[in-house]
Amino acid sequence: TIQGYDEKYDWKYLTIGTGYHYTLNTNASLGLEFNYKKAFDSKMSENWHNSTFELNNVEGYSIKIPFDTMLSRNLLFYTDYIFEYWNIGASNTINGYYEPNSVTKMNTINFGLKYRY
């Protein structure tokens, strides 16, 4: 680790996906969603050599399991678990340096309340 060294990853991506939500009863539902993600204009900037590397073949997917239930006529509780995976290809070489291929895995749990007026 180099103190003060920063990397910034930046890309845009398109998503295509599918999902299914199953009604458990009149107040609750459970779902499963899958999304494929293909990135473009993928870059990694770093401040040690002040270089911006072009990342190759960045793609990933996410799996989401949402659950919601009505607590009252106007109040809904929701939660979901999301697993997200990115495969980041190696970059171009600049002055003998490059960003090697890597993988990112993220697990997220969201929850909250929605109020309907």
Protein backbone atom coordinates (compact mmCIF):
# COMPACT_ATOMS: atom_id res chain seq x y z
CA THR A 1 0.00 0.00 0.00
CA ILE A 2 1.27 3.42 -0.94
CA GLN A 3 0.05 6.21 1.32
CA GLY A 4 -1.90 8.82 -0.63
CA TYR A 5 -2.31 6.55 -3.67
CA ASP A 6 -5.83 6.63 -5.12
CA GLU A 7 -7.53 4.71 -7.90
CA LYS A 8 -10.84 5.74 -9.43
CA TYR A 9 -12.85 3.31 -11.53
CA ASP A 10 -15.42 4.76 -13.87
CA TRP A 11 -17.70 3.15 -16.44
CA LYS A 12 -21.15 3.25 -17.92
CA TYR A 13 -23.11 0.08 -18.48
CA LEU A 14 -26.19 -1.37 -20.10
CA THR A 15 -28.35 -3.87 -18.24
CA ILE A 16 -30.69 -6.57 -19.45
CA GLY A 17 -32.55 -8.70 -17.00
CA THR A 18 -35.53 -10.69 -15.94
CA GLY A 19 -37.38 -11.36 -12.74
CA TYR A 20 -40.33 -13.01 -11.13
CA HIS A 21 -42.37 -11.91 -8.12
CA TYR A 22 -44.48 -14.46 -6.30
CA THR A 23 -47.46 -13.36 -4.21
CA LEU A 24 -47.19 -15.15 -0.86
CA ASN A 25 -50.55 -13.86 0.38
CA THR A 26 -52.67 -10.72 0.00
CA ASN A 27 -50.07 -8.68 1.92
CA ALA A 28 -46.66 -10.08 0.95
CA SER A 29 -44.55 -10.98 -2.07
CA LEU A 30 -41.13 -12.53 -2.70
CA GLY A 31 -39.12 -12.13 -5.87
CA LEU A 32 -36.04 -13.21 -7.77
CA GLU A 33 -34.35 -10.95 -10.31
CA PHE A 34 -31.30 -11.48 -12.52
CA ASN A 35 -29.47 -8.78 -14.51
CA TYR A 36 -26.54 -9.04 -16.92
CA LYS A 37 -24.43 -5.88 -17.15
CA LYS A 38 -22.04 -4.91 -19.95
CA ALA A 39 -19.83 -1.88 -19.35
CA PHE A 40 -18.46 0.55 -21.91
CA ASP A 41 -16.11 3.54 -21.72
CA SER A 42 -14.40 1.72 -18.82
CA LYS A 43 -11.45 3.52 -17.23
CA MET A 44 -9.24 3.47 -14.15
CA SER A 45 -7.42 6.67 -13.17
CA GLU A 46 -4.63 6.73 -10.62
CA ASN A 47 -2.63 9.55 -9.03
CA TRP A 48 0.81 7.93 -8.69
CA HIS A 49 1.76 8.24 -12.38
CA ASN A 50 -1.20 10.47 -13.25
CA SER A 51 -2.40 7.93 -15.81
CA THR A 52 -5.81 6.82 -17.03
CA PHE A 53 -6.00 3.21 -18.17
CA GLU A 54 -8.60 1.81 -20.57
CA LEU A 55 -10.12 -1.32 -19.01
CA ASN A 56 -10.97 -4.22 -21.30
CA ASN A 57 -14.11 -6.36 -21.31
CA VAL A 58 -15.86 -5.23 -18.13
CA GLU A 59 -19.02 -7.23 -17.52
CA GLY A 60 -21.01 -8.52 -14.60
CA TYR A 61 -24.32 -9.60 -13.20
CA SER A 62 -26.54 -9.13 -10.20
CA ILE A 63 -29.01 -11.36 -8.40
CA LYS A 64 -31.68 -9.70 -6.28
CA ILE A 65 -34.15 -11.28 -3.85
CA PRO A 66 -36.80 -8.70 -2.87
CA PHE A 67 -39.45 -9.18 -0.19
CA ASP A 68 -42.22 -6.80 0.80
CA THR A 69 -45.22 -6.90 3.06
CA MET A 70 -48.03 -4.50 3.84
CA LEU A 71 -48.03 -3.47 7.50
CA SER A 72 -51.18 -1.41 7.14
CA ARG A 73 -53.27 0.10 4.36
CA ASN A 74 -50.67 2.83 3.74
CA LEU A 75 -47.42 1.38 5.12
CA LEU A 76 -45.24 -1.21 3.38
CA PHE A 77 -42.05 -2.83 4.71
CA TYR A 78 -39.51 -3.90 2.11
CA THR A 79 -36.15 -5.64 2.16
CA ASP A 80 -33.90 -7.11 -0.48
CA TYR A 81 -30.61 -8.94 -0.77
CA ILE A 82 -28.41 -8.16 -3.78
CA PHE A 83 -25.30 -10.04 -4.91
CA GLU A 84 -23.35 -8.18 -7.57
CA TYR A 85 -20.33 -9.50 -9.49
CA TRP A 86 -18.01 -7.66 -11.88
CA ASN A 87 -15.24 -9.20 -14.01
CA ILE A 88 -12.80 -6.43 -14.98
CA GLY A 89 -10.37 -7.22 -17.79
CA ALA A 90 -6.74 -6.06 -17.81
CA SER A 91 -6.03 -2.58 -19.14
CA ASN A 92 -3.78 -1.19 -21.81
CA THR A 93 -0.12 -0.56 -20.92
CA ILE A 94 1.16 2.98 -20.29
CA ASN A 95 4.94 3.46 -19.78
CA GLY A 96 5.26 -0.19 -18.69
CA TYR A 97 2.37 -0.03 -16.19
CA TYR A 98 -1.06 -1.58 -16.49
CA GLU A 99 -4.05 -2.48 -14.35
CA PRO A 100 -4.33 -6.29 -14.11
CA ASN A 101 -7.62 -8.13 -14.48
CA SER A 102 -9.69 -8.31 -11.31
CA VAL A 103 -13.01 -9.39 -9.86
CA THR A 104 -15.37 -7.46 -7.59
CA LYS A 105 -18.06 -9.12 -5.48
CA MET A 106 -20.56 -7.10 -3.46
CA ASN A 107 -23.29 -8.19 -1.05
CA THR A 108 -25.96 -5.66 -0.10
CA ILE A 109 -29.01 -5.78 2.15
CA ASN A 110 -31.54 -2.95 1.91
CA PHE A 111 -34.63 -2.41 4.01
CA GLY A 112 -37.07 0.35 4.69
CA LEU A 113 -40.61 1.57 4.84
CA LYS A 114 -42.76 3.00 2.07
CA TYR A 115 -45.73 5.16 2.84
CA ARG A 116 -48.50 5.38 0.27
CA TYR A 117 -50.79 8.38 0.39
